[in-house]
């Protein structure tokens, strides 16, 4: 299971100019925004981004992509999926919790399972 880190959330909010409030229980899902996918992916790839920040970013990225599927926006989904899959494959150990969550019961679940050979 993904366990968020408040300091990482605050740091990401500052770096990416995102709304943050200590009382936001599901911050990653509340601020997910497909229009910012490029920003989220770029921040993920920076050498200064911590593992904990990458975990939060991946939650945001996957949630944003899942929303694109629900809204039937295949163009945006297909634009960002390959990069997302590549990042997960390259950092799979830190995303075990996210994969356990997102590969069951969501619009994106089957695609993640297939792309990542995840059962």
PDB file of N, CA and C in Angstrom:
ATOM      1  N   UNK A   1       0.827  -1.166   0.000  1.00  0.00           N
ATOM      2  CA  UNK A   1       0.000   0.000   0.000  1.00  0.00           C
ATOM      3  C   UNK A   1       0.885   1.249   0.000  1.00  0.00           C
ATOM      4  N   UNK A   2       0.476   2.249  -0.748  1.00  0.00           N
ATOM      5  CA  UNK A   2       1.166   3.539  -0.777  1.00  0.00           C
ATOM      6  C   UNK A   2       0.855   4.293   0.510  1.00  0.00           C
ATOM      7  N   UNK A   3       1.884   4.726   1.204  1.00  0.00           N
ATOM      8  CA  UNK A   3       1.720   5.525   2.412  1.00  0.00           C
ATOM      9  C   UNK A   3       2.351   6.891   2.152  1.00  0.00           C
ATOM     10  N   UNK A   4       1.534   7.922   2.056  1.00  0.00           N
ATOM     11  CA  UNK A   4       2.053   9.252   1.721  1.00  0.00           C
ATOM     12  C   UNK A   4       2.922   9.840   2.830  1.00  0.00           C
ATOM     13  N   UNK A   5       3.809  10.705   2.417  1.00  0.00           N
ATOM     14  CA  UNK A   5       4.713  11.405   3.313  1.00  0.00           C
ATOM     15  C   UNK A   5       4.370  12.896   3.238  1.00  0.00           C
ATOM     16  N   UNK A   6       3.991  13.476   4.375  1.00  0.00           N
ATOM     17  CA  UNK A   6       3.562  14.866   4.388  1.00  0.00           C
ATOM     18  C   UNK A   6       4.651  15.835   3.918  1.00  0.00           C
ATOM     19  N   UNK A   7       5.887  15.591   4.317  1.00  0.00           N
ATOM     20  CA  UNK A   7       6.973  16.469   3.896  1.00  0.00           C
ATOM     21  C   UNK A   7       7.145  16.419   2.381  1.00  0.00           C
ATOM     22  N   UNK A   8       7.050  15.237   1.811  1.00  0.00           N
ATOM     23  CA  UNK A   8       7.153  15.104   0.352  1.00  0.00           C
ATOM     24  C   UNK A   8       6.011  15.827  -0.338  1.00  0.00           C
ATOM     25  N   UNK A   9       4.832  15.708   0.224  1.00  0.00           N
ATOM     26  CA  UNK A   9       3.678  16.411  -0.341  1.00  0.00           C
ATOM     27  C   UNK A   9       3.923  17.923  -0.331  1.00  0.00           C
ATOM     28  N   UNK A  10       4.396  18.443   0.800  1.00  0.00           N
ATOM     29  CA  UNK A  10       4.669  19.882   0.913  1.00  0.00           C
ATOM     30  C   UNK A  10       5.733  20.317  -0.089  1.00  0.00           C
ATOM     31  N   UNK A  11       6.794  19.521  -0.193  1.00  0.00           N
ATOM     32  CA  UNK A  11       7.867  19.852  -1.132  1.00  0.00           C
ATOM     33  C   UNK A  11       7.363  19.882  -2.568  1.00  0.00           C
ATOM     34  N   UNK A  12       6.579  18.895  -2.936  1.00  0.00           N
ATOM     35  CA  UNK A  12       6.035  18.855  -4.294  1.00  0.00           C
ATOM     36  C   UNK A  12       5.085  20.023  -4.537  1.00  0.00           C
ATOM     37  N   UNK A  13       4.265  20.334  -3.555  1.00  0.00           N
ATOM     38  CA  UNK A  13       3.348  21.466  -3.691  1.00  0.00           C
ATOM     39  C   UNK A  13       4.128  22.753  -3.945  1.00  0.00           C
ATOM     40  N   UNK A  14       5.224  22.909  -3.224  1.00  0.00           N
ATOM     41  CA  UNK A  14       6.061  24.096  -3.406  1.00  0.00           C
ATOM     42  C   UNK A  14       6.734  24.092  -4.790  1.00  0.00           C
ATOM     43  N   UNK A  15       7.350  22.970  -5.152  1.00  0.00           N
ATOM     44  CA  UNK A  15       8.066  22.875  -6.433  1.00  0.00           C
ATOM     45  C   UNK A  15       7.148  23.067  -7.635  1.00  0.00           C
ATOM     46  N   UNK A  16       5.927  22.540  -7.537  1.00  0.00           N
ATOM     47  CA  UNK A  16       5.017  22.530  -8.689  1.00  0.00           C
ATOM     48  C   UNK A  16       3.869  23.524  -8.567  1.00  0.00           C
ATOM     49  N   UNK A  17       3.936  24.370  -7.534  1.00  0.00           N
ATOM     50  CA  UNK A  17       2.901  25.375  -7.316  1.00  0.00           C
ATOM     51  C   UNK A  17       1.509  24.729  -7.248  1.00  0.00           C
ATOM     52  N   UNK A  18       1.380  23.732  -6.361  1.00  0.00           N
ATOM     53  CA  UNK A  18       0.125  23.007  -6.171  1.00  0.00           C
ATOM     54  C   UNK A  18      -0.490  23.383  -4.830  1.00  0.00           C
ATOM     55  N   UNK A  19      -1.794  23.328  -4.757  1.00  0.00           N
ATOM     56  CA  UNK A  19      -2.481  23.593  -3.492  1.00  0.00           C
ATOM     57  C   UNK A  19      -2.119  22.501  -2.486  1.00  0.00           C
ATOM     58  N   UNK A  20      -1.874  22.909  -1.252  1.00  0.00           N
ATOM     59  CA  UNK A  20      -1.608  21.946  -0.191  1.00  0.00           C
ATOM     60  C   UNK A  20      -2.204  22.453   1.102  1.00  0.00           C
ATOM     61  N   UNK A  21      -2.836  21.547   1.807  1.00  0.00           N
ATOM     62  CA  UNK A  21      -3.370  21.827   3.130  1.00  0.00           C
ATOM     63  C   UNK A  21      -3.154  20.570   3.957  1.00  0.00           C
ATOM     64  N   UNK A  22      -2.711  20.735   5.191  1.00  0.00           N
ATOM     65  CA  UNK A  22      -2.444  19.586   6.073  1.00  0.00           C
ATOM     66  C   UNK A  22      -3.651  18.668   6.216  1.00  0.00           C
ATOM     67  N   UNK A  23      -4.840  19.206   6.041  1.00  0.00           N
ATOM     68  CA  UNK A  23      -6.065  18.431   6.229  1.00  0.00           C
ATOM     69  C   UNK A  23      -6.523  17.691   4.974  1.00  0.00           C
ATOM     70  N   UNK A  24      -5.783  17.808   3.897  1.00  0.00           N
ATOM     71  CA  UNK A  24      -6.136  17.103   2.662  1.00  0.00           C
ATOM     72  C   UNK A  24      -5.710  15.643   2.813  1.00  0.00           C
ATOM     73  N   UNK A  25      -6.662  14.768   3.034  1.00  0.00           N
ATOM     74  CA  UNK A  25      -6.364  13.361   3.290  1.00  0.00           C
ATOM     75  C   UNK A  25      -5.842  12.654   2.044  1.00  0.00           C
ATOM     76  N   UNK A  26      -6.449  12.917   0.920  1.00  0.00           N
ATOM     77  CA  UNK A  26      -6.077  12.252  -0.332  1.00  0.00           C
ATOM     78  C   UNK A  26      -5.459  13.250  -1.309  1.00  0.00           C
ATOM     79  N   UNK A  27      -4.450  13.943  -0.843  1.00  0.00           N
ATOM     80  CA  UNK A  27      -3.848  15.031  -1.603  1.00  0.00           C
ATOM     81  C   UNK A  27      -3.510  14.634  -3.028  1.00  0.00           C
ATOM     82  N   UNK A  28      -2.858  13.495  -3.227  1.00  0.00           N
ATOM     83  CA  UNK A  28      -2.429  13.078  -4.559  1.00  0.00           C
ATOM     84  C   UNK A  28      -3.603  12.991  -5.529  1.00  0.00           C
ATOM     85  N   UNK A  29      -4.744  12.548  -5.033  1.00  0.00           N
ATOM     86  CA  UNK A  29      -5.917  12.386  -5.898  1.00  0.00           C
ATOM     87  C   UNK A  29      -6.681  13.703  -6.055  1.00  0.00           C
ATOM     88  N   UNK A  30      -6.605  14.540  -5.042  1.00  0.00           N
ATOM     89  CA  UNK A  30      -7.298  15.833  -5.114  1.00  0.00           C
ATOM     90  C   UNK A  30      -6.620  16.794  -6.091  1.00  0.00           C
ATOM     91  N   UNK A  31      -5.304  16.693  -6.217  1.00  0.00           N
ATOM     92  CA  UNK A  31      -4.605  17.651  -7.091  1.00  0.00           C
ATOM     93  C   UNK A  31      -4.232  17.041  -8.454  1.00  0.00           C
ATOM     94  N   UNK A  32      -4.573  15.776  -8.666  1.00  0.00           N
ATOM     95  CA  UNK A  32      -4.295  15.155  -9.969  1.00  0.00           C
ATOM     96  C   UNK A  32      -4.928  16.008 -11.069  1.00  0.00           C
ATOM     97  N   UNK A  33      -4.191  16.189 -12.157  1.00  0.00           N
ATOM     98  CA  UNK A  33      -4.653  17.078 -13.228  1.00  0.00           C
ATOM     99  C   UNK A  33      -3.953  16.669 -14.524  1.00  0.00           C
ATOM    100  N   UNK A  34      -4.702  16.144 -15.451  1.00  0.00           N
ATOM    101  CA  UNK A  34      -4.100  15.686 -16.705  1.00  0.00           C
ATOM    102  C   UNK A  34      -3.405  16.806 -17.463  1.00  0.00           C
ATOM    103  N   UNK A  35      -3.821  18.043 -17.249  1.00  0.00           N
ATOM    104  CA  UNK A  35      -3.186  19.169 -17.934  1.00  0.00           C
ATOM    105  C   UNK A  35      -1.766  19.406 -17.419  1.00  0.00           C
ATOM    106  N   UNK A  36      -1.442  18.819 -16.264  1.00  0.00           N
ATOM    107  CA  UNK A  36      -0.116  18.992 -15.666  1.00  0.00           C
ATOM    108  C   UNK A  36       0.744  17.727 -15.770  1.00  0.00           C
ATOM    109  N   UNK A  37       0.291  16.738 -16.530  1.00  0.00           N
ATOM    110  CA  UNK A  37       1.034  15.485 -16.624  1.00  0.00           C
ATOM    111  C   UNK A  37       2.491  15.696 -17.024  1.00  0.00           C
ATOM    112  N   UNK A  38       2.731  16.569 -17.959  1.00  0.00           N
ATOM    113  CA  UNK A  38       4.106  16.829 -18.376  1.00  0.00           C
ATOM    114  C   UNK A  38       4.944  17.367 -17.216  1.00  0.00           C
ATOM    115  N   UNK A  39       4.367  18.270 -16.436  1.00  0.00           N
ATOM    116  CA  UNK A  39       5.063  18.811 -15.259  1.00  0.00           C
ATOM    117  C   UNK A  39       5.373  17.702 -14.254  1.00  0.00           C
ATOM    118  N   UNK A  40       4.389  16.835 -14.004  1.00  0.00           N
ATOM    119  CA  UNK A  40       4.577  15.747 -13.041  1.00  0.00           C
ATOM    120  C   UNK A  40       5.659  14.775 -13.509  1.00  0.00           C
ATOM    121  N   UNK A  41       5.636  14.435 -14.774  1.00  0.00           N
ATOM    122  CA  UNK A  41       6.641  13.509 -15.320  1.00  0.00           C
ATOM    123  C   UNK A  41       8.032  14.137 -15.298  1.00  0.00           C
ATOM    124  N   UNK A  42       8.123  15.402 -15.647  1.00  0.00           N
ATOM    125  CA  UNK A  42       9.417  16.084 -15.619  1.00  0.00           C
ATOM    126  C   UNK A  42       9.982  16.161 -14.206  1.00  0.00           C
ATOM    127  N   UNK A  43       9.132  16.460 -13.239  1.00  0.00           N
ATOM    128  CA  UNK A  43       9.585  16.520 -11.842  1.00  0.00           C
ATOM    129  C   UNK A  43      10.042  15.142 -11.379  1.00  0.00           C
ATOM    130  N   UNK A  44       9.332  14.116 -11.780  1.00  0.00           N
ATOM    131  CA  UNK A  44       9.696  12.743 -11.403  1.00  0.00           C
ATOM    132  C   UNK A  44      11.122  12.423 -11.854  1.00  0.00           C
ATOM    133  N   UNK A  45      11.489  12.874 -13.032  1.00  0.00           N
ATOM    134  CA  UNK A  45      12.789  12.525 -13.619  1.00  0.00           C
ATOM    135  C   UNK A  45      13.961  13.352 -13.105  1.00  0.00           C
ATOM    136  N   UNK A  46      13.702  14.382 -12.365  1.00  0.00           N
ATOM    137  CA  UNK A  46      14.796  15.213 -11.860  1.00  0.00           C
ATOM    138  C   UNK A  46      15.628  14.442 -10.841  1.00  0.00           C
ATOM    139  N   UNK A  47      16.921  14.656 -10.892  1.00  0.00           N
ATOM    140  CA  UNK A  47      17.842  13.982  -9.971  1.00  0.00           C
ATOM    141  C   UNK A  47      17.588  14.378  -8.519  1.00  0.00           C
ATOM    142  N   UNK A  48      17.019  15.549  -8.307  1.00  0.00           N
ATOM    143  CA  UNK A  48      16.774  16.038  -6.947  1.00  0.00           C
ATOM    144  C   UNK A  48      15.465  15.520  -6.343  1.00  0.00           C
ATOM    145  N   UNK A  49      14.665  14.827  -7.129  1.00  0.00           N
ATOM    146  CA  UNK A  49      13.387  14.301  -6.636  1.00  0.00           C
ATOM    147  C   UNK A  49      13.639  13.051  -5.794  1.00  0.00           C
ATOM    148  N   UNK A  50      13.146  13.070  -4.568  1.00  0.00           N
ATOM    149  CA  UNK A  50      13.370  11.947  -3.649  1.00  0.00           C
ATOM    150  C   UNK A  50      12.467  10.764  -4.005  1.00  0.00           C
ATOM    151  N   UNK A  51      12.788   9.598  -3.458  1.00  0.00           N
ATOM    152  CA  UNK A  51      11.957   8.418  -3.688  1.00  0.00           C
ATOM    153  C   UNK A  51      10.538   8.639  -3.184  1.00  0.00           C
ATOM    154  N   UNK A  52      10.412   9.257  -2.039  1.00  0.00           N
ATOM    155  CA  UNK A  52       9.094   9.525  -1.475  1.00  0.00           C
ATOM    156  C   UNK A  52       8.297  10.478  -2.368  1.00  0.00           C
ATOM    157  N   UNK A  53       8.964  11.476  -2.912  1.00  0.00           N
ATOM    158  CA  UNK A  53       8.296  12.390  -3.843  1.00  0.00           C
ATOM    159  C   UNK A  53       7.894  11.644  -5.114  1.00  0.00           C
ATOM    160  N   UNK A  54       8.746  10.744  -5.583  1.00  0.00           N
ATOM    161  CA  UNK A  54       8.419   9.937  -6.771  1.00  0.00           C
ATOM    162  C   UNK A  54       7.199   9.063  -6.514  1.00  0.00           C
ATOM    163  N   UNK A  55       7.082   8.539  -5.311  1.00  0.00           N
ATOM    164  CA  UNK A  55       5.909   7.731  -4.981  1.00  0.00           C
ATOM    165  C   UNK A  55       4.639   8.570  -5.080  1.00  0.00           C
ATOM    166  N   UNK A  56       4.664   9.754  -4.509  1.00  0.00           N
ATOM    167  CA  UNK A  56       3.498  10.641  -4.587  1.00  0.00           C
ATOM    168  C   UNK A  56       3.227  11.060  -6.022  1.00  0.00           C
ATOM    169  N   UNK A  57       4.278  11.407  -6.734  1.00  0.00           N
ATOM    170  CA  UNK A  57       4.105  11.803  -8.138  1.00  0.00           C
ATOM    171  C   UNK A  57       3.481  10.691  -8.968  1.00  0.00           C
ATOM    172  N   UNK A  58       3.908   9.452  -8.742  1.00  0.00           N
ATOM    173  CA  UNK A  58       3.351   8.357  -9.528  1.00  0.00           C
ATOM    174  C   UNK A  58       1.871   8.174  -9.219  1.00  0.00           C
ATOM    175  N   UNK A  59       1.475   8.366  -7.970  1.00  0.00           N
ATOM    176  CA  UNK A  59       0.053   8.314  -7.635  1.00  0.00           C
ATOM    177  C   UNK A  59      -0.716   9.383  -8.411  1.00  0.00           C
ATOM    178  N   UNK A  60      -0.163  10.577  -8.461  1.00  0.00           N
ATOM    179  CA  UNK A  60      -0.795  11.684  -9.179  1.00  0.00           C
ATOM    180  C   UNK A  60      -0.874  11.369 -10.669  1.00  0.00           C
ATOM    181  N   UNK A  61       0.208  10.867 -11.222  1.00  0.00           N
ATOM    182  CA  UNK A  61       0.272  10.558 -12.649  1.00  0.00           C
ATOM    183  C   UNK A  61      -0.733   9.470 -13.014  1.00  0.00           C
ATOM    184  N   UNK A  62      -0.740   8.385 -12.251  1.00  0.00           N
ATOM    185  CA  UNK A  62      -1.663   7.287 -12.567  1.00  0.00           C
ATOM    186  C   UNK A  62      -3.112   7.734 -12.411  1.00  0.00           C
ATOM    187  N   UNK A  63      -3.401   8.502 -11.367  1.00  0.00           N
ATOM    188  CA  UNK A  63      -4.764   8.983 -11.186  1.00  0.00           C
ATOM    189  C   UNK A  63      -5.178   9.895 -12.344  1.00  0.00           C
ATOM    190  N   UNK A  64      -4.275  10.745 -12.786  1.00  0.00           N
ATOM    191  CA  UNK A  64      -4.562  11.626 -13.920  1.00  0.00           C
ATOM    192  C   UNK A  64      -4.834  10.810 -15.184  1.00  0.00           C
ATOM    193  N   UNK A  65      -4.037   9.774 -15.413  1.00  0.00           N
ATOM    194  CA  UNK A  65      -4.245   8.914 -16.573  1.00  0.00           C
ATOM    195  C   UNK A  65      -5.548   8.133 -16.466  1.00  0.00           C
ATOM    196  N   UNK A  66      -5.854   7.650 -15.288  1.00  0.00           N
ATOM    197  CA  UNK A  66      -7.107   6.932 -15.080  1.00  0.00           C
ATOM    198  C   UNK A  66      -8.303   7.835 -15.400  1.00  0.00           C
ATOM    199  N   UNK A  67      -8.219   9.091 -14.993  1.00  0.00           N
ATOM    200  CA  UNK A  67      -9.280  10.048 -15.307  1.00  0.00           C
ATOM    201  C   UNK A  67      -9.435  10.242 -16.807  1.00  0.00           C
ATOM    202  N   UNK A  68      -8.332  10.225 -17.532  1.00  0.00           N
ATOM    203  CA  UNK A  68      -8.404  10.374 -18.997  1.00  0.00           C
ATOM    204  C   UNK A  68      -9.140   9.190 -19.619  1.00  0.00           C
ATOM    205  N   UNK A  69      -8.922   8.003 -19.097  1.00  0.00           N
ATOM    206  CA  UNK A  69      -9.661   6.832 -19.589  1.00  0.00           C
ATOM    207  C   UNK A  69     -11.149   6.969 -19.295  1.00  0.00           C
ATOM    208  N   UNK A  70     -11.466   7.386 -18.088  1.00  0.00           N
ATOM    209  CA  UNK A  70     -12.870   7.550 -17.710  1.00  0.00           C
ATOM    210  C   UNK A  70     -13.559   8.597 -18.567  1.00  0.00           C
ATOM    211  N   UNK A  71     -12.811   9.614 -18.975  1.00  0.00           N
ATOM    212  CA  UNK A  71     -13.359  10.680 -19.817  1.00  0.00           C
ATOM    213  C   UNK A  71     -13.203  10.388 -21.304  1.00  0.00           C
ATOM    214  N   UNK A  72     -12.748   9.180 -21.611  1.00  0.00           N
ATOM    215  CA  UNK A  72     -12.571   8.718 -22.994  1.00  0.00           C
ATOM    216  C   UNK A  72     -11.651   9.631 -23.807  1.00  0.00           C
ATOM    217  N   UNK A  73     -10.612  10.130 -23.174  1.00  0.00           N
ATOM    218  CA  UNK A  73      -9.605  10.966 -23.827  1.00  0.00           C
ATOM    219  C   UNK A  73      -8.398  10.089 -24.160  1.00  0.00           C
ATOM    220  N   UNK A  74      -8.545   9.279 -25.189  1.00  0.00           N
ATOM    221  CA  UNK A  74      -7.491   8.336 -25.553  1.00  0.00           C
ATOM    222  C   UNK A  74      -6.221   9.025 -26.037  1.00  0.00           C
ATOM    223  N   UNK A  75      -6.345  10.167 -26.662  1.00  0.00           N
ATOM    224  CA  UNK A  75      -5.165  10.865 -27.185  1.00  0.00           C
ATOM    225  C   UNK A  75      -4.217  11.244 -26.046  1.00  0.00           C
ATOM    226  N   UNK A  76      -4.749  11.875 -25.015  1.00  0.00           N
ATOM    227  CA  UNK A  76      -3.910  12.263 -23.879  1.00  0.00           C
ATOM    228  C   UNK A  76      -3.377  11.027 -23.170  1.00  0.00           C
ATOM    229  N   UNK A  77      -4.246  10.050 -22.954  1.00  0.00           N
ATOM    230  CA  UNK A  77      -3.834   8.816 -22.297  1.00  0.00           C
ATOM    231  C   UNK A  77      -2.673   8.167 -23.044  1.00  0.00           C
ATOM    232  N   UNK A  78      -2.826   7.999 -24.348  1.00  0.00           N
ATOM    233  CA  UNK A  78      -1.793   7.344 -25.150  1.00  0.00           C
ATOM    234  C   UNK A  78      -0.514   8.168 -25.264  1.00  0.00           C
ATOM    235  N   UNK A  79      -0.632   9.464 -25.127  1.00  0.00           N
ATOM    236  CA  UNK A  79       0.550  10.329 -25.175  1.00  0.00           C
ATOM    237  C   UNK A  79       1.452  10.106 -23.968  1.00  0.00           C
ATOM    238  N   UNK A  80       0.857   9.916 -22.786  1.00  0.00           N
ATOM    239  CA  UNK A  80       1.633   9.847 -21.549  1.00  0.00           C
ATOM    240  C   UNK A  80       1.832   8.442 -20.991  1.00  0.00           C
ATOM    241  N   UNK A  81       1.085   7.465 -21.474  1.00  0.00           N
ATOM    242  CA  UNK A  81       1.216   6.115 -20.937  1.00  0.00           C
ATOM    243  C   UNK A  81       2.607   5.512 -21.128  1.00  0.00           C
ATOM    244  N   UNK A  82       3.221   5.566 -22.319  1.00  0.00           N
ATOM    245  CA  UNK A  82       4.530   4.924 -22.487  1.00  0.00           C
ATOM    246  C   UNK A  82       5.591   5.437 -21.505  1.00  0.00           C
ATOM    247  N   UNK A  83       5.648   6.725 -21.307  1.00  0.00           N
ATOM    248  CA  UNK A  83       6.617   7.306 -20.375  1.00  0.00           C
ATOM    249  C   UNK A  83       6.329   6.839 -18.948  1.00  0.00           C
ATOM    250  N   UNK A  84       5.062   6.797 -18.593  1.00  0.00           N
ATOM    251  CA  UNK A  84       4.672   6.354 -17.257  1.00  0.00           C
ATOM    252  C   UNK A  84       5.071   4.911 -17.026  1.00  0.00           C
ATOM    253  N   UNK A  85       4.804   4.059 -17.989  1.00  0.00           N
ATOM    254  CA  UNK A  85       5.156   2.637 -17.880  1.00  0.00           C
ATOM    255  C   UNK A  85       6.670   2.490 -17.737  1.00  0.00           C
ATOM    256  N   UNK A  86       7.416   3.244 -18.521  1.00  0.00           N
ATOM    257  CA  UNK A  86       8.875   3.195 -18.458  1.00  0.00           C
ATOM    258  C   UNK A  86       9.385   3.590 -17.068  1.00  0.00           C
ATOM    259  N   UNK A  87       8.828   4.649 -16.506  1.00  0.00           N
ATOM    260  CA  UNK A  87       9.245   5.094 -15.177  1.00  0.00           C
ATOM    261  C   UNK A  87       8.920   4.047 -14.113  1.00  0.00           C
ATOM    262  N   UNK A  88       7.759   3.454 -14.223  1.00  0.00           N
ATOM    263  CA  UNK A  88       7.391   2.408 -13.253  1.00  0.00           C
ATOM    264  C   UNK A  88       8.352   1.234 -13.370  1.00  0.00           C
ATOM    265  N   UNK A  89       8.641   0.804 -14.586  1.00  0.00           N
ATOM    266  CA  UNK A  89       9.556  -0.326 -14.783  1.00  0.00           C
ATOM    267  C   UNK A  89      10.940  -0.026 -14.214  1.00  0.00           C
ATOM    268  N   UNK A  90      11.403   1.197 -14.394  1.00  0.00           N
ATOM    269  CA  UNK A  90      12.737   1.580 -13.929  1.00  0.00           C
ATOM    270  C   UNK A  90      12.812   1.787 -12.416  1.00  0.00           C
ATOM    271  N   UNK A  91      11.661   1.941 -11.769  1.00  0.00           N
ATOM    272  CA  UNK A  91      11.624   2.198 -10.322  1.00  0.00           C
ATOM    273  C   UNK A  91      10.564   1.322  -9.653  1.00  0.00           C
ATOM    274  N   UNK A  92      10.428   0.119 -10.153  1.00  0.00           N
ATOM    275  CA  UNK A  92       9.335  -0.752  -9.704  1.00  0.00           C
ATOM    276  C   UNK A  92       9.331  -0.984  -8.192  1.00  0.00           C
ATOM    277  N   UNK A  93      10.495  -1.086  -7.599  1.00  0.00           N
ATOM    278  CA  UNK A  93      10.584  -1.379  -6.168  1.00  0.00           C
ATOM    279  C   UNK A  93       9.905  -0.311  -5.308  1.00  0.00           C
ATOM    280  N   UNK A  94       9.943   0.941  -5.729  1.00  0.00           N
ATOM    281  CA  UNK A  94       9.326   1.993  -4.910  1.00  0.00           C
ATOM    282  C   UNK A  94       7.836   2.160  -5.205  1.00  0.00           C
ATOM    283  N   UNK A  95       7.330   1.447  -6.220  1.00  0.00           N
ATOM    284  CA  UNK A  95       5.921   1.590  -6.587  1.00  0.00           C
ATOM    285  C   UNK A  95       5.101   0.330  -6.337  1.00  0.00           C
ATOM    286  N   UNK A  96       5.624  -0.565  -5.530  1.00  0.00           N
ATOM    287  CA  UNK A  96       4.917  -1.813  -5.232  1.00  0.00           C
ATOM    288  C   UNK A  96       3.533  -1.521  -4.643  1.00  0.00           C
ATOM    289  N   UNK A  97       3.467  -0.607  -3.705  1.00  0.00           N
ATOM    290  CA  UNK A  97       2.194  -0.260  -3.081  1.00  0.00           C
ATOM    291  C   UNK A  97       1.212   0.353  -4.064  1.00  0.00           C
ATOM    292  N   UNK A  98       1.703   1.237  -4.903  1.00  0.00           N
ATOM    293  CA  UNK A  98       0.842   1.860  -5.912  1.00  0.00           C
ATOM    294  C   UNK A  98       0.309   0.830  -6.899  1.00  0.00           C
ATOM    295  N   UNK A  99       1.172  -0.088  -7.311  1.00  0.00           N
ATOM    296  CA  UNK A  99       0.742  -1.112  -8.258  1.00  0.00           C
ATOM    297  C   UNK A  99      -0.293  -2.043  -7.638  1.00  0.00           C
ATOM    298  N   UNK A 100      -0.107  -2.387  -6.383  1.00  0.00           N
ATOM    299  CA  UNK A 100      -1.086  -3.242  -5.708  1.00  0.00           C
ATOM    300  C   UNK A 100      -2.456  -2.560  -5.683  1.00  0.00           C
ATOM    301  N   UNK A 101      -2.466  -1.254  -5.534  1.00  0.00           N
ATOM    302  CA  UNK A 101      -3.709  -0.482  -5.487  1.00  0.00           C
ATOM    303  C   UNK A 101      -4.307  -0.295  -6.887  1.00  0.00           C
ATOM    304  N   UNK A 102      -3.526   0.210  -7.827  1.00  0.00           N
ATOM    305  CA  UNK A 102      -4.031   0.615  -9.134  1.00  0.00           C
ATOM    306  C   UNK A 102      -4.284  -0.535 -10.102  1.00  0.00           C
ATOM    307  N   UNK A 103      -3.789  -1.712  -9.820  1.00  0.00           N
ATOM    308  CA  UNK A 103      -4.010  -2.833 -10.748  1.00  0.00           C
ATOM    309  C   UNK A 103      -5.273  -3.620 -10.409  1.00  0.00           C
ATOM    310  N   UNK A 104      -6.102  -3.097  -9.546  1.00  0.00           N
ATOM    311  CA  UNK A 104      -7.345  -3.769  -9.165  1.00  0.00           C
ATOM    312  C   UNK A 104      -8.517  -2.791  -9.121  1.00  0.00           C
ATOM    313  N   UNK A 105      -9.451  -2.936 -10.021  1.00  0.00           N
ATOM    314  CA  UNK A 105     -10.720  -2.225  -9.927  1.00  0.00           C
ATOM    315  C   UNK A 105     -10.810  -0.831 -10.512  1.00  0.00           C
ATOM    316  N   UNK A 106      -9.855  -0.418 -11.300  1.00  0.00           N
ATOM    317  CA  UNK A 106      -9.897   0.910 -11.919  1.00  0.00           C
ATOM    318  C   UNK A 106      -9.898   0.775 -13.446  1.00  0.00           C
ATOM    319  N   UNK A 107     -10.276   1.828 -14.112  1.00  0.00           N
ATOM    320  CA  UNK A 107     -10.282   1.808 -15.580  1.00  0.00           C
ATOM    321  C   UNK A 107      -8.898   1.470 -16.131  1.00  0.00           C
ATOM    322  N   UNK A 108      -7.862   1.924 -15.458  1.00  0.00           N
ATOM    323  CA  UNK A 108      -6.488   1.737 -15.913  1.00  0.00           C
ATOM    324  C   UNK A 108      -5.892   0.384 -15.505  1.00  0.00           C
ATOM    325  N   UNK A 109      -6.565  -0.343 -14.629  1.00  0.00           N
ATOM    326  CA  UNK A 109      -5.997  -1.551 -14.021  1.00  0.00           C
ATOM    327  C   UNK A 109      -5.527  -2.593 -15.027  1.00  0.00           C
ATOM    328  N   UNK A 110      -6.373  -2.960 -15.952  1.00  0.00           N
ATOM    329  CA  UNK A 110      -6.007  -4.012 -16.909  1.00  0.00           C
ATOM    330  C   UNK A 110      -4.822  -3.587 -17.770  1.00  0.00           C
ATOM    331  N   UNK A 111      -4.800  -2.339 -18.158  1.00  0.00           N
ATOM    332  CA  UNK A 111      -3.701  -1.831 -18.986  1.00  0.00           C
ATOM    333  C   UNK A 111      -2.391  -1.886 -18.204  1.00  0.00           C
ATOM    334  N   UNK A 112      -2.413  -1.485 -16.951  1.00  0.00           N
ATOM    335  CA  UNK A 112      -1.204  -1.563 -16.128  1.00  0.00           C
ATOM    336  C   UNK A 112      -0.742  -3.011 -15.972  1.00  0.00           C
ATOM    337  N   UNK A 113      -1.673  -3.904 -15.700  1.00  0.00           N
ATOM    338  CA  UNK A 113      -1.294  -5.311 -15.542  1.00  0.00           C
ATOM    339  C   UNK A 113      -0.642  -5.856 -16.809  1.00  0.00           C
ATOM    340  N   UNK A 114      -1.231  -5.544 -17.963  1.00  0.00           N
ATOM    341  CA  UNK A 114      -0.688  -6.026 -19.231  1.00  0.00           C
ATOM    342  C   UNK A 114       0.688  -5.410 -19.531  1.00  0.00           C
ATOM    343  N   UNK A 115       0.785  -4.110 -19.412  1.00  0.00           N
ATOM    344  CA  UNK A 115       2.016  -3.382 -19.766  1.00  0.00           C
ATOM    345  C   UNK A 115       3.182  -3.741 -18.837  1.00  0.00           C
ATOM    346  N   UNK A 116       2.846  -4.071 -17.581  1.00  0.00           N
ATOM    347  CA  UNK A 116       3.889  -4.328 -16.591  1.00  0.00           C
ATOM    348  C   UNK A 116       4.038  -5.813 -16.255  1.00  0.00           C
ATOM    349  N   UNK A 117       3.284  -6.658 -16.972  1.00  0.00           N
ATOM    350  CA  UNK A 117       3.289  -8.102 -16.672  1.00  0.00           C
ATOM    351  C   UNK A 117       3.051  -8.326 -15.188  1.00  0.00           C
ATOM    352  N   UNK A 118       2.049  -7.671 -14.666  1.00  0.00           N
ATOM    353  CA  UNK A 118       1.747  -7.681 -13.239  1.00  0.00           C
ATOM    354  C   UNK A 118       0.502  -8.528 -13.001  1.00  0.00           C
ATOM    355  N   UNK A 119       0.606  -9.485 -12.118  1.00  0.00           N
ATOM    356  CA  UNK A 119      -0.557 -10.337 -11.811  1.00  0.00           C
ATOM    357  C   UNK A 119      -1.052 -10.100 -10.435  1.00  0.00           C
TER     358      UNK A 119
END
